[in-house]
PDB file of N, CA and C in Angstrom:
ATOM      1  N   UNK A   1      15.575  33.686 -22.619  1.00  0.00           N
ATOM      2  CA  UNK A   1      14.635  33.004 -21.757  1.00  0.00           C
ATOM      3  C   UNK A   1      15.306  31.800 -21.096  1.00  0.00           C
ATOM      4  N   UNK A   2      15.564  31.888 -19.821  1.00  0.00           N
ATOM      5  CA  UNK A   2      16.257  30.771 -19.156  1.00  0.00           C
ATOM      6  C   UNK A   2      15.380  29.532 -18.989  1.00  0.00           C
ATOM      7  N   UNK A   3      14.063  29.665 -19.127  1.00  0.00           N
ATOM      8  CA  UNK A   3      13.192  28.510 -18.969  1.00  0.00           C
ATOM      9  C   UNK A   3      13.392  27.483 -20.083  1.00  0.00           C
ATOM     10  N   UNK A   4      13.890  27.911 -21.228  1.00  0.00           N
ATOM     11  CA  UNK A   4      14.064  26.998 -22.344  1.00  0.00           C
ATOM     12  C   UNK A   4      15.353  26.208 -22.266  1.00  0.00           C
ATOM     13  N   UNK A   5      16.235  26.554 -21.365  1.00  0.00           N
ATOM     14  CA  UNK A   5      17.481  25.827 -21.190  1.00  0.00           C
ATOM     15  C   UNK A   5      17.217  24.640 -20.254  1.00  0.00           C
ATOM     16  N   UNK A   6      17.233  23.391 -20.758  1.00  0.00           N
ATOM     17  CA  UNK A   6      16.872  22.247 -19.918  1.00  0.00           C
ATOM     18  C   UNK A   6      17.970  21.777 -18.978  1.00  0.00           C
ATOM     19  N   UNK A   7      19.161  22.288 -19.106  1.00  0.00           N
ATOM     20  CA  UNK A   7      20.281  21.754 -18.318  1.00  0.00           C
ATOM     21  C   UNK A   7      20.066  21.872 -16.805  1.00  0.00           C
ATOM     22  N   UNK A   8      19.785  23.036 -16.222  1.00  0.00           N
ATOM     23  CA  UNK A   8      19.643  23.060 -14.755  1.00  0.00           C
ATOM     24  C   UNK A   8      18.370  22.367 -14.279  1.00  0.00           C
ATOM     25  N   UNK A   9      17.295  22.433 -15.064  1.00  0.00           N
ATOM     26  CA  UNK A   9      16.035  21.851 -14.617  1.00  0.00           C
ATOM     27  C   UNK A   9      16.074  20.336 -14.665  1.00  0.00           C
ATOM     28  N   UNK A  10      16.776  19.792 -15.642  1.00  0.00           N
ATOM     29  CA  UNK A  10      16.893  18.338 -15.708  1.00  0.00           C
ATOM     30  C   UNK A  10      17.703  17.813 -14.533  1.00  0.00           C
ATOM     31  N   UNK A  11      18.740  18.514 -14.143  1.00  0.00           N
ATOM     32  CA  UNK A  11      19.542  18.105 -12.989  1.00  0.00           C
ATOM     33  C   UNK A  11      18.708  18.175 -11.704  1.00  0.00           C
ATOM     34  N   UNK A  12      17.909  19.203 -11.567  1.00  0.00           N
ATOM     35  CA  UNK A  12      17.028  19.314 -10.402  1.00  0.00           C
ATOM     36  C   UNK A  12      16.018  18.178 -10.395  1.00  0.00           C
ATOM     37  N   UNK A  13      15.463  17.852 -11.549  1.00  0.00           N
ATOM     38  CA  UNK A  13      14.511  16.753 -11.654  1.00  0.00           C
ATOM     39  C   UNK A  13      15.158  15.427 -11.260  1.00  0.00           C
ATOM     40  N   UNK A  14      16.343  15.165 -11.750  1.00  0.00           N
ATOM     41  CA  UNK A  14      17.025  13.904 -11.451  1.00  0.00           C
ATOM     42  C   UNK A  14      17.367  13.815  -9.969  1.00  0.00           C
ATOM     43  N   UNK A  15      17.868  14.865  -9.399  1.00  0.00           N
ATOM     44  CA  UNK A  15      18.225  14.849  -7.971  1.00  0.00           C
ATOM     45  C   UNK A  15      16.984  14.676  -7.110  1.00  0.00           C
ATOM     46  N   UNK A  16      15.903  15.338  -7.481  1.00  0.00           N
ATOM     47  CA  UNK A  16      14.661  15.202  -6.714  1.00  0.00           C
ATOM     48  C   UNK A  16      14.155  13.772  -6.748  1.00  0.00           C
ATOM     49  N   UNK A  17      14.154  13.136  -7.921  1.00  0.00           N
ATOM     50  CA  UNK A  17      13.683  11.751  -8.002  1.00  0.00           C
ATOM     51  C   UNK A  17      14.621  10.797  -7.273  1.00  0.00           C
ATOM     52  N   UNK A  18      15.904  11.061  -7.280  1.00  0.00           N
ATOM     53  CA  UNK A  18      16.821  10.219  -6.506  1.00  0.00           C
ATOM     54  C   UNK A  18      16.530  10.320  -5.017  1.00  0.00           C
ATOM     55  N   UNK A  19      16.223  11.520  -4.555  1.00  0.00           N
ATOM     56  CA  UNK A  19      15.865  11.686  -3.144  1.00  0.00           C
ATOM     57  C   UNK A  19      14.565  10.952  -2.846  1.00  0.00           C
ATOM     58  N   UNK A  20      13.563  11.096  -3.720  1.00  0.00           N
ATOM     59  CA  UNK A  20      12.289  10.409  -3.506  1.00  0.00           C
ATOM     60  C   UNK A  20      12.469   8.896  -3.498  1.00  0.00           C
ATOM     61  N   UNK A  21      13.268   8.371  -4.402  1.00  0.00           N
ATOM     62  CA  UNK A  21      13.412   6.928  -4.519  1.00  0.00           C
ATOM     63  C   UNK A  21      14.325   6.313  -3.469  1.00  0.00           C
ATOM     64  N   UNK A  22      15.130   7.114  -2.800  1.00  0.00           N
ATOM     65  CA  UNK A  22      16.012   6.558  -1.773  1.00  0.00           C
ATOM     66  C   UNK A  22      15.511   6.799  -0.353  1.00  0.00           C
ATOM     67  N   UNK A  23      14.798   7.874  -0.122  1.00  0.00           N
ATOM     68  CA  UNK A  23      14.394   8.200   1.249  1.00  0.00           C
ATOM     69  C   UNK A  23      12.942   7.850   1.554  1.00  0.00           C
ATOM     70  N   UNK A  24      12.049   8.063   0.635  1.00  0.00           N
ATOM     71  CA  UNK A  24      10.625   7.894   0.904  1.00  0.00           C
ATOM     72  C   UNK A  24      10.215   6.422   1.049  1.00  0.00           C
ATOM     73  N   UNK A  25      10.582   5.494   0.130  1.00  0.00           N
ATOM     74  CA  UNK A  25      10.098   4.109   0.266  1.00  0.00           C
ATOM     75  C   UNK A  25      10.453   3.430   1.582  1.00  0.00           C
ATOM     76  N   UNK A  26      11.668   3.545   2.116  1.00  0.00           N
ATOM     77  CA  UNK A  26      11.914   2.901   3.413  1.00  0.00           C
ATOM     78  C   UNK A  26      11.039   3.453   4.534  1.00  0.00           C
ATOM     79  N   UNK A  27      10.749   4.733   4.491  1.00  0.00           N
ATOM     80  CA  UNK A  27       9.897   5.316   5.531  1.00  0.00           C
ATOM     81  C   UNK A  27       8.472   4.798   5.411  1.00  0.00           C
ATOM     82  N   UNK A  28       7.978   4.679   4.196  1.00  0.00           N
ATOM     83  CA  UNK A  28       6.618   4.205   3.996  1.00  0.00           C
ATOM     84  C   UNK A  28       6.519   2.722   4.346  1.00  0.00           C
ATOM     85  N   UNK A  29       7.515   1.937   3.951  1.00  0.00           N
ATOM     86  CA  UNK A  29       7.470   0.504   4.203  1.00  0.00           C
ATOM     87  C   UNK A  29       7.725   0.149   5.662  1.00  0.00           C
ATOM     88  N   UNK A  30       8.232   1.067   6.452  1.00  0.00           N
ATOM     89  CA  UNK A  30       8.492   0.764   7.862  1.00  0.00           C
ATOM     90  C   UNK A  30       7.239   0.877   8.721  1.00  0.00           C
ATOM     91  N   UNK A  31       6.171   1.443   8.192  1.00  0.00           N
ATOM     92  CA  UNK A  31       4.931   1.559   8.955  1.00  0.00           C
ATOM     93  C   UNK A  31       4.240   0.214   9.043  1.00  0.00           C
ATOM     94  N   UNK A  32       3.607  -0.031  10.189  1.00  0.00           N
ATOM     95  CA  UNK A  32       2.880  -1.277  10.408  1.00  0.00           C
ATOM     96  C   UNK A  32       1.418  -0.946  10.667  1.00  0.00           C
ATOM     97  N   UNK A  33       0.581  -1.885  10.315  1.00  0.00           N
ATOM     98  CA  UNK A  33      -0.840  -1.689  10.561  1.00  0.00           C
ATOM     99  C   UNK A  33      -1.110  -1.758  12.061  1.00  0.00           C
ATOM    100  N   UNK A  34      -2.031  -0.948  12.543  1.00  0.00           N
ATOM    101  CA  UNK A  34      -2.334  -0.950  13.972  1.00  0.00           C
ATOM    102  C   UNK A  34      -3.043  -2.233  14.384  1.00  0.00           C
ATOM    103  N   UNK A  35      -3.923  -2.713  13.554  1.00  0.00           N
ATOM    104  CA  UNK A  35      -4.653  -3.937  13.855  1.00  0.00           C
ATOM    105  C   UNK A  35      -4.175  -5.025  12.915  1.00  0.00           C
ATOM    106  N   UNK A  36      -3.273  -5.851  13.405  1.00  0.00           N
ATOM    107  CA  UNK A  36      -2.770  -6.944  12.587  1.00  0.00           C
ATOM    108  C   UNK A  36      -3.884  -7.969  12.390  1.00  0.00           C
ATOM    109  N   UNK A  37      -4.025  -8.525  11.206  1.00  0.00           N
ATOM    110  CA  UNK A  37      -5.089  -9.504  10.978  1.00  0.00           C
ATOM    111  C   UNK A  37      -4.801 -10.799  11.722  1.00  0.00           C
ATOM    112  N   UNK A  38      -5.855 -11.395  12.269  1.00  0.00           N
ATOM    113  CA  UNK A  38      -5.726 -12.664  12.967  1.00  0.00           C
ATOM    114  C   UNK A  38      -5.917 -13.803  11.982  1.00  0.00           C
ATOM    115  N   UNK A  39      -5.204 -14.882  12.236  1.00  0.00           N
ATOM    116  CA  UNK A  39      -5.361 -16.060  11.398  1.00  0.00           C
ATOM    117  C   UNK A  39      -6.602 -16.799  11.863  1.00  0.00           C
ATOM    118  N   UNK A  40      -7.517 -17.020  10.931  1.00  0.00           N
ATOM    119  CA  UNK A  40      -8.739 -17.709  11.307  1.00  0.00           C
ATOM    120  C   UNK A  40      -8.492 -19.205  11.287  1.00  0.00           C
ATOM    121  N   UNK A  41      -9.208 -19.903  12.152  1.00  0.00           N
ATOM    122  CA  UNK A  41      -9.049 -21.349  12.206  1.00  0.00           C
ATOM    123  C   UNK A  41      -9.679 -21.987  10.976  1.00  0.00           C
ATOM    124  N   UNK A  42      -9.170 -23.159  10.642  1.00  0.00           N
ATOM    125  CA  UNK A  42      -9.678 -23.860   9.459  1.00  0.00           C
ATOM    126  C   UNK A  42     -10.781 -24.845   9.824  1.00  0.00           C
ATOM    127  N   UNK A  43     -11.179 -24.895  11.095  1.00  0.00           N
ATOM    128  CA  UNK A  43     -12.248 -25.801  11.505  1.00  0.00           C
ATOM    129  C   UNK A  43     -13.571 -25.321  10.912  1.00  0.00           C
ATOM    130  N   UNK A  44     -14.332 -26.273  10.387  1.00  0.00           N
ATOM    131  CA  UNK A  44     -15.638 -25.920   9.843  1.00  0.00           C
ATOM    132  C   UNK A  44     -16.662 -25.968  10.967  1.00  0.00           C
ATOM    133  N   UNK A  45     -17.501 -24.994  10.971  1.00  0.00           N
ATOM    134  CA  UNK A  45     -18.540 -24.967  11.990  1.00  0.00           C
ATOM    135  C   UNK A  45     -19.741 -25.766  11.496  1.00  0.00           C
ATOM    136  N   UNK A  46     -20.400 -26.420  12.425  1.00  0.00           N
ATOM    137  CA  UNK A  46     -21.579 -27.196  12.068  1.00  0.00           C
ATOM    138  C   UNK A  46     -22.765 -26.241  11.955  1.00  0.00           C
ATOM    139  N   UNK A  47     -23.403 -26.260  10.826  1.00  0.00           N
ATOM    140  CA  UNK A  47     -24.571 -25.415  10.632  1.00  0.00           C
ATOM    141  C   UNK A  47     -25.795 -26.305  10.510  1.00  0.00           C
ATOM    142  N   UNK A  48     -26.861 -25.845  11.082  1.00  0.00           N
ATOM    143  CA  UNK A  48     -28.097 -26.619  10.984  1.00  0.00           C
ATOM    144  C   UNK A  48     -28.838 -26.203   9.723  1.00  0.00           C
ATOM    145  N   UNK A  49     -29.540 -27.135   9.090  1.00  0.00           N
ATOM    146  CA  UNK A  49     -30.277 -26.757   7.874  1.00  0.00           C
ATOM    147  C   UNK A  49     -31.441 -25.830   8.228  1.00  0.00           C
ATOM    148  N   UNK A  50     -31.769 -25.007   7.285  1.00  0.00           N
ATOM    149  CA  UNK A  50     -32.819 -24.043   7.499  1.00  0.00           C
ATOM    150  C   UNK A  50     -34.159 -24.682   7.114  1.00  0.00           C
ATOM    151  N   UNK A  51     -35.001 -24.835   8.096  1.00  0.00           N
ATOM    152  CA  UNK A  51     -36.314 -25.424   7.842  1.00  0.00           C
ATOM    153  C   UNK A  51     -37.257 -24.340   7.360  1.00  0.00           C
ATOM    154  N   UNK A  52     -37.689 -24.467   6.117  1.00  0.00           N
ATOM    155  CA  UNK A  52     -38.599 -23.493   5.555  1.00  0.00           C
ATOM    156  C   UNK A  52     -40.028 -23.886   5.969  1.00  0.00           C
ATOM    157  N   UNK A  53     -40.699 -23.083   6.775  1.00  0.00           N
ATOM    158  CA  UNK A  53     -42.006 -23.488   7.279  1.00  0.00           C
ATOM    159  C   UNK A  53     -43.108 -23.478   6.216  1.00  0.00           C
ATOM    160  N   UNK A  54     -42.934 -22.804   5.103  1.00  0.00           N
ATOM    161  CA  UNK A  54     -44.014 -22.725   4.125  1.00  0.00           C
ATOM    162  C   UNK A  54     -43.874 -23.766   3.014  1.00  0.00           C
ATOM    163  N   UNK A  55     -42.916 -24.671   3.116  1.00  0.00           N
ATOM    164  CA  UNK A  55     -42.802 -25.701   2.092  1.00  0.00           C
ATOM    165  C   UNK A  55     -43.041 -27.067   2.659  1.00  0.00           C
TER     166      UNK A  55
END
């Protein structure tokens, strides 16, 4: 039964993970968001107090 011999399968596993770890992350990290977030101003807006008519 060749399935029980781990030598070729372990080499395939190691090579596959090396390919995943060297090629995939740079491609994923090179993508940019389409809508970049805007920096909101730190100015506080003046809010009027809420007048409760029933109190």
